[in-house]
Amino acid sequence: MCTVCGCGDAKLEGHQHHHHDHGYHHHPHHGDIHFGHGPAGVAVPGMSQERLIEIETDILAKNDRYALENRKRLASLGAFAVNLVSSPGSGKTTLLCKTIEHLAQTPLAVIEGDQQTANDADRIRATGAPAIQVNTGKGCHLDGHMVGHAMEHLDLAHGSFLFIENVGNLVCPAAFDLGEDCKIAILSVTEGEDKPLKYPDMFTAARLAILNKVDLAPYCDVDLDLYETNLRRVNPAIDILRVSARTGEGMAAWISWLNARRAEKILQRAAE
């Protein structure tokens, strides 16, 4: 995860060339090399599996403390927060703009995550919704501290929705709790039916998968049922909706899903 991409501030610590530290496996028949077979699930040259686990544990523990504070703040407001995750180009921002239109009478706010530019936040603001842009620079995901800081600049109304649009990336955002109520993975039908199998951590962490751009399915020679089969292979409990933000297909079911989850949270809080 972030010990590989560098955004977790991991540094190489000496050149440790012991075979058991590599964290990779070589398939003798095909020549394939797998760098995720060690206990850490990743390999970095010069770092032992034990040190990688230690660094990752420290990074995530710090993040989780911020996420807990975010969760408490959202609970005090009775707000329902979703963390929208996907590859770049899945249609997250377009879907979010259409969602805001359908939730016209519902209080909501948006936190936009990208490495650079405020383009997506500007698109959200054009709908009339309040939005804060968070640029991560070289960072490949939002974290709990970033989201907490952004929330300080949003006047969240009681009972509102908070939509957090994460950086387009199906790897690191899977591991970082932002204090949200659930992760929602958006998967364009143009991306390939095996996407859930290639990035299982993200789809395992998600409560809902939205198969987006279904209007393009007839032109892409894709099998929507196979998408769903593969999603349930990695996460048997995942909810799945087929949606086209462009044509409006499936939007009513998506809005109903959101409202039902928010109502569940309100009822749960009332019962506590």
Protein backbone atom coordinates (compact mmCIF):
# COMPACT_ATOMS: atom_id res chain seq x y z
CA MET A 1 0.00 0.00 0.00
CA CYS A 2 1.43 3.42 0.89
CA THR A 3 4.82 2.06 1.89
CA VAL A 4 5.17 1.41 -1.84
CA CYS A 5 3.88 4.64 -3.35
CA GLY A 6 5.68 6.88 -0.85
CA CYS A 7 2.77 8.94 0.47
CA GLY A 8 3.11 7.29 3.87
CA ASP A 9 6.61 8.77 4.29
CA ALA A 10 8.23 5.34 4.41
CA LYS A 11 11.97 5.43 3.80
CA LEU A 12 14.35 2.68 2.82
CA GLU A 13 16.24 1.60 5.91
CA GLY A 14 19.38 -0.27 4.97
CA HIS A 15 19.94 -2.91 2.35
CA GLN A 16 18.59 -6.17 3.77
CA HIS A 17 19.09 -8.89 1.22
CA HIS A 18 17.81 -11.95 3.06
CA HIS A 19 15.67 -14.22 0.94
CA HIS A 20 12.87 -14.49 3.50
CA ASP A 21 12.58 -10.68 3.63
CA HIS A 22 11.75 -10.21 -0.06
CA GLY A 23 8.02 -10.82 0.22
CA TYR A 24 7.77 -12.15 -3.32
CA HIS A 25 7.15 -15.54 -4.87
CA HIS A 26 8.45 -16.79 -8.22
CA HIS A 27 6.31 -19.20 -10.19
CA PRO A 28 8.80 -21.68 -11.68
CA HIS A 29 6.63 -22.71 -14.64
CA HIS A 30 5.34 -19.41 -16.03
CA GLY A 31 8.04 -16.98 -14.91
CA ASP A 32 5.44 -14.88 -13.05
CA ILE A 33 6.66 -12.96 -10.01
CA HIS A 34 4.27 -12.12 -7.17
CA PHE A 35 5.35 -9.38 -4.76
CA GLY A 36 2.37 -9.70 -2.42
CA HIS A 37 2.97 -13.15 -0.92
CA GLY A 38 4.86 -12.04 2.19
CA PRO A 39 3.17 -11.33 5.53
CA ALA A 40 3.09 -7.58 4.73
CA GLY A 41 1.30 -8.20 1.43
CA VAL A 42 3.84 -6.01 -0.35
CA ALA A 43 7.59 -5.90 -1.04
CA VAL A 44 9.93 -2.89 -0.93
CA PRO A 45 13.64 -3.28 -1.73
CA GLY A 46 15.79 -2.96 1.37
CA MET A 47 12.94 -3.34 3.86
CA SER A 48 12.02 -6.47 5.75
CA GLN A 49 8.46 -7.74 5.91
CA GLU A 50 8.47 -7.10 9.66
CA ARG A 51 9.49 -3.44 9.20
CA LEU A 52 6.85 -2.94 6.49
CA ILE A 53 4.16 -4.28 8.81
CA GLU A 54 5.39 -1.98 11.60
CA ILE A 55 5.30 1.11 9.37
CA GLU A 56 1.87 0.29 7.93
CA THR A 57 0.43 -0.37 11.38
CA ASP A 58 1.73 2.99 12.63
CA ILE A 59 0.39 4.92 9.64
CA LEU A 60 -3.06 3.33 9.88
CA ALA A 61 -3.26 3.75 13.66
CA LYS A 62 -2.63 7.49 13.33
CA ASN A 63 -5.18 7.73 10.53
CA ASP A 64 -7.79 5.82 12.53
CA ARG A 65 -7.57 8.31 15.39
CA TYR A 66 -8.52 11.12 13.01
CA ALA A 67 -11.22 8.96 11.43
CA LEU A 68 -12.74 8.29 14.85
CA GLU A 69 -13.03 12.02 15.53
CA ASN A 70 -14.66 12.51 12.12
CA ARG A 71 -17.11 9.71 12.87
CA LYS A 72 -18.03 11.27 16.22
CA ARG A 73 -18.62 14.65 14.59
CA LEU A 74 -20.82 13.13 11.91
CA ALA A 75 -22.78 11.15 14.51
CA SER A 76 -23.42 14.29 16.56
CA LEU A 77 -24.92 15.90 13.45
CA GLY A 78 -26.89 12.84 12.41
CA ALA A 79 -25.10 13.15 9.06
CA PHE A 80 -24.54 10.22 6.71
CA ALA A 81 -21.17 10.12 4.94
CA VAL A 82 -20.19 8.04 1.94
CA ASN A 83 -16.69 7.55 0.56
CA LEU A 84 -16.87 7.30 -3.24
CA VAL A 85 -13.95 5.28 -4.60
CA SER A 86 -13.05 4.18 -8.11
CA SER A 87 -10.49 4.22 -10.88
CA PRO A 88 -9.97 7.53 -12.70
CA GLY A 89 -12.62 8.02 -15.36
CA SER A 90 -15.32 5.82 -13.84
CA GLY A 91 -17.80 8.71 -13.89
CA LYS A 92 -17.72 9.56 -10.17
CA THR A 93 -18.11 13.30 -10.56
CA THR A 94 -20.83 13.07 -13.20
CA LEU A 95 -22.73 10.59 -11.04
CA LEU A 96 -22.31 12.88 -8.04
CA CYS A 97 -23.61 15.91 -9.94
CA LYS A 98 -26.69 13.95 -11.03
CA THR A 99 -27.14 12.66 -7.47
CA ILE A 100 -27.14 16.21 -6.12
CA GLU A 101 -29.84 17.14 -8.64
CA HIS A 102 -32.01 14.24 -7.46
CA LEU A 103 -31.46 15.22 -3.81
CA ALA A 104 -32.47 18.81 -4.46
CA GLN A 105 -34.38 19.26 -1.18
CA THR A 106 -31.90 17.35 0.98
CA PRO A 107 -29.05 19.11 2.82
CA LEU A 108 -25.67 17.86 1.60
CA ALA A 109 -22.05 18.80 1.13
CA VAL A 110 -19.09 17.44 -0.83
CA ILE A 111 -15.39 16.93 -0.19
CA GLU A 112 -13.48 16.51 -3.46
CA GLY A 113 -10.13 14.72 -3.50
CA ASP A 114 -7.67 15.00 -6.38
CA GLN A 115 -3.91 15.26 -6.73
CA GLN A 116 -4.19 18.61 -8.53
CA THR A 117 -6.78 21.16 -9.79
CA ALA A 118 -10.17 22.22 -8.45
CA ASN A 119 -11.96 21.13 -11.62
CA ASP A 120 -14.25 18.61 -9.94
CA ALA A 121 -15.11 20.88 -7.02
CA ASP A 122 -16.03 23.59 -9.52
CA ARG A 123 -18.37 21.15 -11.26
CA ILE A 124 -19.99 20.32 -7.92
CA ARG A 125 -20.33 23.98 -6.95
CA ALA A 126 -22.07 24.65 -10.27
CA THR A 127 -24.94 22.48 -9.00
CA GLY A 128 -25.34 24.80 -6.02
CA ALA A 129 -23.92 22.34 -3.50
CA PRO A 130 -21.15 23.40 -1.09
CA ALA A 131 -17.86 21.69 -1.92
CA ILE A 132 -14.32 21.77 -0.56
CA GLN A 133 -11.43 20.71 -2.79
CA VAL A 134 -8.59 18.77 -1.16
CA ASN A 135 -5.48 18.46 -3.33
CA THR A 136 -3.21 15.65 -2.16
CA GLY A 137 -0.16 16.52 -4.28
CA LYS A 138 1.73 13.26 -4.73
CA GLY A 139 -0.60 11.50 -2.29
CA CYS A 140 -2.81 8.87 -3.90
CA HIS A 141 -5.72 8.98 -1.43
CA LEU A 142 -7.54 11.08 1.12
CA ASP A 143 -6.89 10.33 4.78
CA GLY A 144 -8.71 10.98 8.02
CA HIS A 145 -6.78 14.16 8.83
CA MET A 146 -7.46 15.71 5.40
CA VAL A 147 -11.18 14.97 5.67
CA GLY A 148 -11.41 16.29 9.22
CA HIS A 149 -9.73 19.53 8.13
CA ALA A 150 -12.14 19.86 5.18
CA MET A 151 -15.14 19.24 7.44
CA GLU A 152 -14.11 22.27 9.53
CA HIS A 153 -14.75 24.40 6.43
CA LEU A 154 -18.18 22.91 5.73
CA ASP A 155 -21.29 24.02 7.61
CA LEU A 156 -22.86 20.57 7.70
CA ALA A 157 -26.57 20.69 8.48
CA HIS A 158 -28.17 18.19 10.83
CA GLY A 159 -29.24 15.04 8.98
CA SER A 160 -27.29 15.93 5.85
CA PHE A 161 -25.38 13.77 3.40
CA LEU A 162 -21.62 14.17 3.14
CA PHE A 163 -20.21 12.86 -0.12
CA ILE A 164 -16.44 12.30 -0.09
CA GLU A 165 -15.10 11.80 -3.61
CA ASN A 166 -11.74 10.11 -3.15
CA VAL A 167 -8.73 10.30 -5.46
CA GLY A 168 -9.16 8.01 -8.47
CA ASN A 169 -7.26 4.92 -7.30
CA LEU A 170 -8.38 1.41 -6.38
CA VAL A 171 -5.45 0.57 -4.09
CA CYS A 172 -4.60 2.84 -1.14
CA PRO A 173 -8.10 4.32 -0.51
CA ALA A 174 -9.27 0.82 0.43
CA ALA A 175 -7.13 0.86 3.60
CA PHE A 176 -7.83 4.37 4.88
CA ASP A 177 -10.88 4.97 7.06
CA LEU A 178 -12.12 8.55 6.70
CA GLY A 179 -14.84 8.27 9.33
CA GLU A 180 -17.43 7.53 6.66
CA ASP A 181 -20.47 5.31 7.10
CA CYS A 182 -19.60 3.24 4.05
CA LYS A 183 -17.43 3.01 0.97
CA ILE A 184 -19.16 2.94 -2.41
CA ALA A 185 -17.14 1.60 -5.32
CA ILE A 186 -18.04 2.96 -8.75
CA LEU A 187 -17.09 0.68 -11.60
CA SER A 188 -17.56 1.72 -15.21
CA VAL A 189 -18.72 -1.09 -17.48
CA THR A 190 -15.86 -0.11 -19.81
CA GLU A 191 -13.21 -1.23 -17.28
CA GLY A 192 -13.43 -5.01 -17.70
CA GLU A 193 -15.32 -7.71 -15.86
CA ASP A 194 -12.20 -8.87 -13.99
CA LYS A 195 -11.63 -5.51 -12.24
CA PRO A 196 -13.01 -6.76 -8.88
CA LEU A 197 -10.65 -9.75 -9.03
CA LYS A 198 -7.64 -7.52 -9.77
CA TYR A 199 -8.41 -5.10 -6.92
CA PRO A 200 -10.18 -7.28 -4.35
CA ASP A 201 -9.34 -5.17 -1.27
CA MET A 202 -11.36 -2.21 -2.52
CA PHE A 203 -14.42 -4.22 -3.48
CA THR A 204 -14.23 -6.20 -0.24
CA ALA A 205 -14.25 -2.92 1.71
CA ALA A 206 -17.20 -1.49 -0.22
CA ARG A 207 -20.79 -1.86 0.92
CA LEU A 208 -22.18 -1.00 -2.52
CA ALA A 209 -20.83 -1.31 -6.06
CA ILE A 210 -22.34 0.88 -8.74
CA LEU A 211 -21.97 -0.48 -12.26
CA ASN A 212 -21.90 2.87 -14.02
CA LYS A 213 -22.25 3.80 -17.72
CA VAL A 214 -24.54 0.81 -18.40
CA ASP A 215 -25.78 2.72 -21.46
CA LEU A 216 -22.40 1.91 -23.05
CA ALA A 217 -22.62 -1.83 -22.37
CA PRO A 218 -24.05 -2.75 -25.81
CA TYR A 219 -21.08 -1.05 -27.48
CA CYS A 220 -18.37 -2.59 -25.29
CA ASP A 221 -19.10 -6.31 -25.61
CA VAL A 222 -19.30 -6.69 -21.82
CA ASP A 223 -21.15 -9.16 -19.63
CA LEU A 224 -22.91 -7.30 -16.80
CA ASP A 225 -23.81 -10.56 -15.07
CA LEU A 226 -20.11 -11.50 -15.00
CA TYR A 227 -19.31 -8.14 -13.36
CA GLU A 228 -21.80 -9.03 -10.62
CA THR A 229 -20.49 -12.58 -10.28
CA ASN A 230 -16.93 -11.34 -9.81
CA LEU A 231 -18.02 -8.66 -7.34
CA ARG A 232 -19.73 -11.30 -5.23
CA ARG A 233 -16.72 -13.63 -5.47
CA VAL A 234 -14.67 -11.08 -3.53
CA ASN A 235 -17.56 -9.73 -1.41
CA PRO A 236 -20.65 -11.97 -1.17
CA ALA A 237 -22.52 -9.34 0.89
CA ILE A 238 -22.00 -6.39 -1.47
CA ASP A 239 -25.02 -4.50 -2.83
CA ILE A 240 -24.91 -3.88 -6.59
CA LEU A 241 -26.77 -1.29 -8.65
CA ARG A 242 -26.70 -0.81 -12.41
CA VAL A 243 -26.74 2.88 -13.25
CA SER A 244 -26.25 5.32 -16.08
CA ALA A 245 -25.68 8.84 -14.81
CA ARG A 246 -25.97 10.08 -18.39
CA THR A 247 -29.37 8.58 -19.25
CA GLY A 248 -30.78 8.39 -15.71
CA GLU A 249 -31.19 4.61 -15.73
CA GLY A 250 -31.00 3.24 -12.20
CA MET A 251 -30.77 6.67 -10.57
CA ALA A 252 -34.04 6.23 -8.65
CA ALA A 253 -32.77 2.98 -7.13
CA TRP A 254 -29.50 4.67 -6.17
CA ILE A 255 -31.28 7.58 -4.46
CA SER A 256 -33.57 5.12 -2.66
CA TRP A 257 -30.53 3.17 -1.45
CA LEU A 258 -28.94 6.35 -0.07
CA ASN A 259 -32.11 7.49 1.69
CA ALA A 260 -32.66 4.04 3.19
CA ARG A 261 -29.14 3.89 4.60
CA ARG A 262 -29.45 7.38 6.08
CA ALA A 263 -32.80 6.43 7.66
CA GLU A 264 -31.20 3.29 9.14
CA LYS A 265 -28.48 5.38 10.76
CA ILE A 266 -31.01 7.81 12.23
CA LEU A 267 -33.07 4.95 13.68
CA GLN A 268 -29.96 3.25 15.07
CA ARG A 269 -28.84 6.46 16.76
CA ALA A 270 -32.32 6.97 18.24
CA ALA A 271 -32.26 3.46 19.71
CA GLU A 272 -28.90 3.93 21.43
